[in-house]
Amino acid sequence: MQKKIIAIVGIFALALGGCHRAKSPDTVANDVNDAQQKAASNVADAQKDASRDVANAAEKVDDKAKDLNNTEVKGAYDVEMAKADGDRKVALNKCEALSGDAQKDCKDMADADYQAAKAHLKAMRNSEKQ
């Protein structure tokens, strides 16, 4: 039994000793070449993935920038419409000081100014949304 253990240990020692032998230059060159090709392939794959991720992120940023621009345009439009509404109400109140045809002409003018301002703001909003 002891002889079997010694024999197994001896075989094991020889096997380990053989693991540290230098490989032939051709084998090393082939291994290095294979490793370089695999590394180059991995780098190319990583670059492709990174480019795709950057493109996706840029698309999301573009969408967010459009959303922001549309929100800014809508906000500016809402503010200007509130001003136009206020200007119309003030003008109509001023018209109350007049009577007859003068009052009617004043109110017509206030309404016309309001409609012109409203049309102008809508045109500006539509041209800026794009």
N, C-alpha and C. Protein backbone atom coordinates (compact mmCIF):
# COMPACT_ATOMS: atom_id res chain seq x y z
N MET A 1 0.82 -1.18 0.00
CA MET A 1 0.00 0.00 0.00
C MET A 1 0.86 1.25 0.00
N GLN A 2 1.93 1.19 0.84
CA GLN A 2 2.81 2.34 0.91
C GLN A 2 3.53 2.53 -0.42
N LYS A 3 3.83 1.46 -1.11
CA LYS A 3 4.49 1.55 -2.41
C LYS A 3 3.57 2.19 -3.44
N LYS A 4 2.29 1.90 -3.35
CA LYS A 4 1.32 2.50 -4.28
C LYS A 4 1.23 4.01 -4.08
N ILE A 5 1.23 4.43 -2.84
CA ILE A 5 1.16 5.86 -2.53
C ILE A 5 2.41 6.56 -3.02
N ILE A 6 3.57 5.93 -2.82
CA ILE A 6 4.82 6.53 -3.29
C ILE A 6 4.81 6.61 -4.82
N ALA A 7 4.31 5.59 -5.46
CA ALA A 7 4.26 5.58 -6.92
C ALA A 7 3.32 6.68 -7.44
N ILE A 8 2.18 6.85 -6.80
CA ILE A 8 1.21 7.88 -7.20
C ILE A 8 1.81 9.26 -6.99
N VAL A 9 2.47 9.47 -5.86
CA VAL A 9 3.11 10.75 -5.58
C VAL A 9 4.20 11.02 -6.61
N GLY A 10 4.95 10.02 -6.98
CA GLY A 10 6.01 10.16 -7.98
C GLY A 10 5.44 10.55 -9.34
N ILE A 11 4.39 9.90 -9.74
CA ILE A 11 3.74 10.21 -11.02
C ILE A 11 3.19 11.63 -11.00
N PHE A 12 2.62 11.99 -9.90
CA PHE A 12 2.06 13.33 -9.73
C PHE A 12 3.18 14.39 -9.82
N ALA A 13 4.32 14.10 -9.18
CA ALA A 13 5.45 15.03 -9.20
C ALA A 13 5.99 15.17 -10.62
N LEU A 14 6.07 14.07 -11.36
CA LEU A 14 6.54 14.12 -12.75
C LEU A 14 5.57 14.92 -13.62
N ALA A 15 4.28 14.74 -13.36
CA ALA A 15 3.26 15.47 -14.14
C ALA A 15 3.37 16.97 -13.89
N LEU A 16 3.54 17.36 -12.64
CA LEU A 16 3.70 18.78 -12.32
C LEU A 16 4.97 19.35 -12.91
N GLY A 17 6.02 18.59 -12.87
CA GLY A 17 7.29 19.04 -13.43
C GLY A 17 7.18 19.27 -14.93
N GLY A 18 6.40 18.48 -15.58
CA GLY A 18 6.21 18.63 -17.03
C GLY A 18 5.38 19.84 -17.39
N CYS A 19 4.60 20.39 -16.47
CA CYS A 19 3.74 21.54 -16.74
C CYS A 19 4.54 22.82 -16.92
N HIS A 20 5.73 22.85 -16.41
CA HIS A 20 6.50 24.08 -16.45
C HIS A 20 7.53 24.10 -17.57
N ARG A 21 7.37 23.25 -18.52
CA ARG A 21 8.29 23.22 -19.66
C ARG A 21 7.96 24.36 -20.60
N ALA A 22 8.97 24.90 -21.24
CA ALA A 22 8.78 25.95 -22.23
C ALA A 22 8.15 25.35 -23.47
N LYS A 23 7.22 26.12 -24.06
CA LYS A 23 6.59 25.66 -25.30
C LYS A 23 7.51 26.01 -26.46
N SER A 24 7.26 25.39 -27.57
CA SER A 24 8.09 25.66 -28.75
C SER A 24 7.75 27.06 -29.28
N PRO A 25 8.69 27.71 -29.97
CA PRO A 25 8.44 29.05 -30.51
C PRO A 25 7.23 29.09 -31.44
N ASP A 26 7.02 28.04 -32.23
CA ASP A 26 5.87 28.02 -33.14
C ASP A 26 4.56 27.98 -32.36
N THR A 27 4.51 27.18 -31.31
CA THR A 27 3.31 27.08 -30.47
C THR A 27 3.03 28.41 -29.79
N VAL A 28 4.09 29.03 -29.27
CA VAL A 28 3.93 30.33 -28.61
C VAL A 28 3.44 31.36 -29.61
N ALA A 29 4.01 31.37 -30.80
CA ALA A 29 3.61 32.33 -31.83
C ALA A 29 2.14 32.14 -32.20
N ASN A 30 1.72 30.89 -32.32
CA ASN A 30 0.31 30.61 -32.64
C ASN A 30 -0.61 31.04 -31.50
N ASP A 31 -0.20 30.75 -30.27
CA ASP A 31 -1.01 31.15 -29.11
C ASP A 31 -1.12 32.67 -29.01
N VAL A 32 0.00 33.35 -29.23
CA VAL A 32 0.00 34.82 -29.19
C VAL A 32 -0.89 35.37 -30.29
N ASN A 33 -0.77 34.81 -31.49
CA ASN A 33 -1.59 35.27 -32.62
C ASN A 33 -3.08 35.06 -32.32
N ASP A 34 -3.43 33.89 -31.79
CA ASP A 34 -4.83 33.62 -31.44
C ASP A 34 -5.33 34.60 -30.38
N ALA A 35 -4.50 34.86 -29.38
CA ALA A 35 -4.89 35.80 -28.32
C ALA A 35 -5.07 37.21 -28.87
N GLN A 36 -4.18 37.62 -29.79
CA GLN A 36 -4.30 38.95 -30.39
C GLN A 36 -5.57 39.07 -31.23
N GLN A 37 -5.87 38.04 -32.00
CA GLN A 37 -7.09 38.06 -32.82
C GLN A 37 -8.33 38.10 -31.94
N LYS A 38 -8.34 37.32 -30.87
CA LYS A 38 -9.49 37.33 -29.97
C LYS A 38 -9.63 38.68 -29.29
N ALA A 39 -8.50 39.26 -28.86
CA ALA A 39 -8.54 40.58 -28.22
C ALA A 39 -9.04 41.63 -29.21
N ALA A 40 -8.57 41.58 -30.45
CA ALA A 40 -9.02 42.54 -31.47
C ALA A 40 -10.51 42.38 -31.73
N SER A 41 -10.97 41.14 -31.77
CA SER A 41 -12.40 40.89 -31.97
C SER A 41 -13.22 41.42 -30.80
N ASN A 42 -12.73 41.21 -29.58
CA ASN A 42 -13.43 41.72 -28.40
C ASN A 42 -13.47 43.25 -28.39
N VAL A 43 -12.37 43.88 -28.79
CA VAL A 43 -12.33 45.34 -28.85
C VAL A 43 -13.31 45.84 -29.90
N ALA A 44 -13.34 45.19 -31.07
CA ALA A 44 -14.26 45.60 -32.14
C ALA A 44 -15.71 45.46 -31.67
N ASP A 45 -16.01 44.36 -30.99
CA ASP A 45 -17.37 44.17 -30.46
C ASP A 45 -17.72 45.24 -29.43
N ALA A 46 -16.77 45.56 -28.56
CA ALA A 46 -17.01 46.58 -27.54
C ALA A 46 -17.22 47.95 -28.18
N GLN A 47 -16.44 48.25 -29.23
CA GLN A 47 -16.61 49.52 -29.93
C GLN A 47 -17.97 49.60 -30.61
N LYS A 48 -18.39 48.50 -31.22
CA LYS A 48 -19.69 48.46 -31.88
C LYS A 48 -20.81 48.68 -30.85
N ASP A 49 -20.71 47.99 -29.71
CA ASP A 49 -21.71 48.14 -28.65
C ASP A 49 -21.72 49.57 -28.10
N ALA A 50 -20.53 50.13 -27.91
CA ALA A 50 -20.44 51.49 -27.39
C ALA A 50 -21.03 52.49 -28.38
N SER A 51 -20.75 52.30 -29.66
CA SER A 51 -21.31 53.20 -30.68
C SER A 51 -22.83 53.13 -30.70
N ARG A 52 -23.35 51.91 -30.59
CA ARG A 52 -24.81 51.73 -30.57
C ARG A 52 -25.40 52.41 -29.34
N ASP A 53 -24.75 52.24 -28.19
CA ASP A 53 -25.25 52.86 -26.96
C ASP A 53 -25.21 54.38 -27.05
N VAL A 54 -24.14 54.91 -27.63
CA VAL A 54 -24.02 56.36 -27.79
C VAL A 54 -25.12 56.87 -28.74
N ALA A 55 -25.35 56.15 -29.82
CA ALA A 55 -26.40 56.56 -30.77
C ALA A 55 -27.77 56.54 -30.10
N ASN A 56 -28.04 55.50 -29.31
CA ASN A 56 -29.32 55.43 -28.60
C ASN A 56 -29.47 56.57 -27.60
N ALA A 57 -28.39 56.85 -26.88
CA ALA A 57 -28.43 57.94 -25.90
C ALA A 57 -28.61 59.28 -26.60
N ALA A 58 -27.93 59.46 -27.73
CA ALA A 58 -28.06 60.72 -28.48
C ALA A 58 -29.49 60.89 -28.98
N GLU A 59 -30.11 59.81 -29.41
CA GLU A 59 -31.50 59.87 -29.86
C GLU A 59 -32.42 60.28 -28.71
N LYS A 60 -32.17 59.73 -27.53
CA LYS A 60 -32.97 60.09 -26.37
C LYS A 60 -32.77 61.55 -26.00
N VAL A 61 -31.51 62.01 -26.10
CA VAL A 61 -31.22 63.42 -25.80
C VAL A 61 -31.93 64.32 -26.81
N ASP A 62 -31.90 63.94 -28.09
CA ASP A 62 -32.60 64.73 -29.11
C ASP A 62 -34.09 64.81 -28.81
N ASP A 63 -34.67 63.67 -28.42
CA ASP A 63 -36.09 63.65 -28.08
C ASP A 63 -36.37 64.56 -26.89
N LYS A 64 -35.52 64.49 -25.88
CA LYS A 64 -35.71 65.33 -24.69
C LYS A 64 -35.52 66.80 -25.03
N ALA A 65 -34.56 67.09 -25.91
CA ALA A 65 -34.34 68.48 -26.32
C ALA A 65 -35.57 69.01 -27.07
N LYS A 66 -36.16 68.17 -27.91
CA LYS A 66 -37.38 68.57 -28.62
C LYS A 66 -38.52 68.80 -27.63
N ASP A 67 -38.63 67.89 -26.66
CA ASP A 67 -39.67 68.05 -25.64
C ASP A 67 -39.48 69.35 -24.86
N LEU A 68 -38.23 69.64 -24.51
CA LEU A 68 -37.93 70.86 -23.78
C LEU A 68 -38.27 72.08 -24.62
N ASN A 69 -37.87 72.05 -25.89
CA ASN A 69 -38.17 73.18 -26.77
C ASN A 69 -39.67 73.36 -26.91
N ASN A 70 -40.40 72.28 -27.10
CA ASN A 70 -41.86 72.38 -27.22
C ASN A 70 -42.49 72.92 -25.94
N THR A 71 -41.96 72.51 -24.80
CA THR A 71 -42.46 73.00 -23.52
C THR A 71 -42.18 74.50 -23.38
N GLU A 72 -40.98 74.91 -23.78
CA GLU A 72 -40.64 76.33 -23.72
C GLU A 72 -41.54 77.15 -24.64
N VAL A 73 -41.75 76.63 -25.85
CA VAL A 73 -42.61 77.33 -26.81
C VAL A 73 -44.03 77.44 -26.26
N LYS A 74 -44.55 76.34 -25.72
CA LYS A 74 -45.90 76.35 -25.17
C LYS A 74 -45.99 77.34 -24.01
N GLY A 75 -44.98 77.33 -23.14
CA GLY A 75 -44.98 78.25 -22.00
C GLY A 75 -44.97 79.70 -22.46
N ALA A 76 -44.13 80.02 -23.42
CA ALA A 76 -44.06 81.39 -23.95
C ALA A 76 -45.39 81.77 -24.61
N TYR A 77 -45.96 80.83 -25.33
CA TYR A 77 -47.25 81.08 -25.98
C TYR A 77 -48.33 81.36 -24.93
N ASP A 78 -48.37 80.53 -23.89
CA ASP A 78 -49.37 80.72 -22.84
C ASP A 78 -49.22 82.09 -22.16
N VAL A 79 -47.98 82.50 -21.91
CA VAL A 79 -47.74 83.80 -21.28
C VAL A 79 -48.22 84.93 -22.19
N GLU A 80 -47.84 84.85 -23.45
CA GLU A 80 -48.23 85.91 -24.40
C GLU A 80 -49.75 85.94 -24.62
N MET A 81 -50.38 84.76 -24.61
CA MET A 81 -51.84 84.72 -24.75
C MET A 81 -52.50 85.35 -23.52
N ALA A 82 -51.95 85.11 -22.35
CA ALA A 82 -52.49 85.73 -21.14
C ALA A 82 -52.37 87.25 -21.22
N LYS A 83 -51.24 87.72 -21.76
CA LYS A 83 -51.06 89.17 -21.94
C LYS A 83 -52.08 89.72 -22.93
N ALA A 84 -52.26 89.00 -24.05
CA ALA A 84 -53.22 89.45 -25.06
C ALA A 84 -54.64 89.47 -24.48
N ASP A 85 -55.00 88.46 -23.70
CA ASP A 85 -56.32 88.43 -23.05
C ASP A 85 -56.48 89.62 -22.11
N GLY A 86 -55.43 89.87 -21.34
CA GLY A 86 -55.47 90.99 -20.40
C GLY A 86 -55.59 92.33 -21.13
N ASP A 87 -54.80 92.49 -22.19
CA ASP A 87 -54.86 93.73 -22.98
C ASP A 87 -56.26 93.95 -23.56
N ARG A 88 -56.87 92.86 -24.03
CA ARG A 88 -58.23 92.95 -24.59
C ARG A 88 -59.22 93.39 -23.52
N LYS A 89 -59.17 92.80 -22.34
CA LYS A 89 -60.09 93.15 -21.26
C LYS A 89 -59.92 94.60 -20.82
N VAL A 90 -58.65 95.04 -20.75
CA VAL A 90 -58.40 96.45 -20.39
C VAL A 90 -58.97 97.37 -21.46
N ALA A 91 -58.74 97.02 -22.72
CA ALA A 91 -59.24 97.86 -23.81
C ALA A 91 -60.77 97.90 -23.80
N LEU A 92 -61.40 96.75 -23.59
CA LEU A 92 -62.87 96.72 -23.56
C LEU A 92 -63.40 97.55 -22.38
N ASN A 93 -62.73 97.51 -21.24
CA ASN A 93 -63.15 98.33 -20.11
C ASN A 93 -63.01 99.82 -20.42
N LYS A 94 -61.96 100.18 -21.13
CA LYS A 94 -61.78 101.58 -21.51
C LYS A 94 -62.88 102.02 -22.47
N CYS A 95 -63.33 101.09 -23.29
CA CYS A 95 -64.39 101.42 -24.25
C CYS A 95 -65.70 101.77 -23.54
N GLU A 96 -65.87 101.29 -22.32
CA GLU A 96 -67.09 101.56 -21.56
C GLU A 96 -67.26 103.06 -21.27
N ALA A 97 -66.16 103.78 -21.34
CA ALA A 97 -66.24 105.23 -21.08
C ALA A 97 -66.88 105.95 -22.27
N LEU A 98 -66.95 105.29 -23.41
CA LEU A 98 -67.53 105.88 -24.62
C LEU A 98 -68.99 105.46 -24.74
N SER A 99 -69.67 106.07 -25.68
CA SER A 99 -71.06 105.68 -25.89
C SER A 99 -71.34 105.60 -27.38
N GLY A 100 -72.42 104.90 -27.70
CA GLY A 100 -72.89 104.83 -29.08
C GLY A 100 -71.90 104.14 -30.01
N ASP A 101 -71.78 104.77 -31.22
CA ASP A 101 -70.91 104.20 -32.25
C ASP A 101 -69.44 104.21 -31.83
N ALA A 102 -69.03 105.19 -31.06
CA ALA A 102 -67.64 105.27 -30.62
C ALA A 102 -67.30 104.06 -29.74
N GLN A 103 -68.26 103.69 -28.86
CA GLN A 103 -68.04 102.52 -28.00
C GLN A 103 -67.97 101.25 -28.84
N LYS A 104 -68.90 101.14 -29.82
CA LYS A 104 -68.91 99.95 -30.67
C LYS A 104 -67.62 99.87 -31.47
N ASP A 105 -67.17 100.98 -32.06
CA ASP A 105 -65.92 100.99 -32.83
C ASP A 105 -64.73 100.63 -31.94
N CYS A 106 -64.73 101.13 -30.72
CA CYS A 106 -63.66 100.84 -29.76
C CYS A 106 -63.61 99.35 -29.44
N LYS A 107 -64.77 98.75 -29.19
CA LYS A 107 -64.83 97.32 -28.88
C LYS A 107 -64.41 96.48 -30.10
N ASP A 108 -64.85 96.91 -31.28
CA ASP A 108 -64.46 96.20 -32.51
C ASP A 108 -62.93 96.24 -32.69
N MET A 109 -62.36 97.42 -32.39
CA MET A 109 -60.91 97.57 -32.52
C MET A 109 -60.19 96.68 -31.49
N ALA A 110 -60.69 96.62 -30.27
CA ALA A 110 -60.09 95.78 -29.23
C ALA A 110 -60.17 94.31 -29.64
N ASP A 111 -61.32 93.90 -30.19
CA ASP A 111 -61.47 92.52 -30.63
C ASP A 111 -60.55 92.21 -31.82
N ALA A 112 -60.44 93.16 -32.75
CA ALA A 112 -59.57 92.97 -33.92
C ALA A 112 -58.10 92.86 -33.48
N ASP A 113 -57.68 93.72 -32.56
CA ASP A 113 -56.32 93.66 -32.06
C ASP A 113 -56.05 92.31 -31.37
N TYR A 114 -57.04 91.86 -30.61
CA TYR A 114 -56.91 90.58 -29.92
C TYR A 114 -56.80 89.42 -30.92
N GLN A 115 -57.65 89.42 -31.94
CA GLN A 115 -57.60 88.35 -32.95
C GLN A 115 -56.28 88.37 -33.71
N ALA A 116 -55.75 89.56 -34.00
CA ALA A 116 -54.47 89.67 -34.70
C ALA A 116 -53.34 89.14 -33.81
N ALA A 117 -53.36 89.52 -32.55
CA ALA A 117 -52.32 89.05 -31.62
C ALA A 117 -52.39 87.53 -31.48
N LYS A 118 -53.61 87.00 -31.38
CA LYS A 118 -53.80 85.57 -31.24
C LYS A 118 -53.29 84.82 -32.48
N ALA A 119 -53.60 85.32 -33.66
CA ALA A 119 -53.14 84.68 -34.91
C ALA A 119 -51.61 84.74 -35.01
N HIS A 120 -51.06 85.89 -34.62
CA HIS A 120 -49.60 86.04 -34.66
C HIS A 120 -48.92 85.05 -33.71
N LEU A 121 -49.46 84.91 -32.52
CA LEU A 121 -48.87 83.99 -31.53
C LEU A 121 -48.99 82.54 -31.98
N LYS A 122 -50.12 82.18 -32.56
CA LYS A 122 -50.28 80.81 -33.05
C LYS A 122 -49.30 80.52 -34.18
N ALA A 123 -49.10 81.47 -35.06
CA ALA A 123 -48.15 81.29 -36.17
C ALA A 123 -46.73 81.14 -35.62
N MET A 124 -46.37 81.95 -34.64
CA MET A 124 -45.05 81.85 -34.04
C MET A 124 -44.86 80.50 -33.35
N ARG A 125 -45.87 80.05 -32.63
CA ARG A 125 -45.78 78.78 -31.91
C ARG A 125 -45.60 77.62 -32.89
N ASN A 126 -46.35 77.65 -33.98
CA ASN A 126 -46.25 76.56 -34.96
C ASN A 126 -44.89 76.56 -35.66
N SER A 127 -44.32 77.72 -35.92
CA SER A 127 -43.03 77.76 -36.61
C SER A 127 -41.89 77.38 -35.66
N GLU A 128 -42.02 77.62 -34.37
CA GLU A 128 -40.96 77.28 -33.42
C GLU A 128 -41.01 75.85 -32.96
N LYS A 129 -42.14 75.17 -33.10
CA LYS A 129 -42.27 73.79 -32.64
C LYS A 129 -41.43 72.83 -33.48
N GLN A 130 -41.17 73.16 -34.67
CA GLN A 130 -40.47 72.24 -35.57
C GLN A 130 -39.07 72.17 -35.19
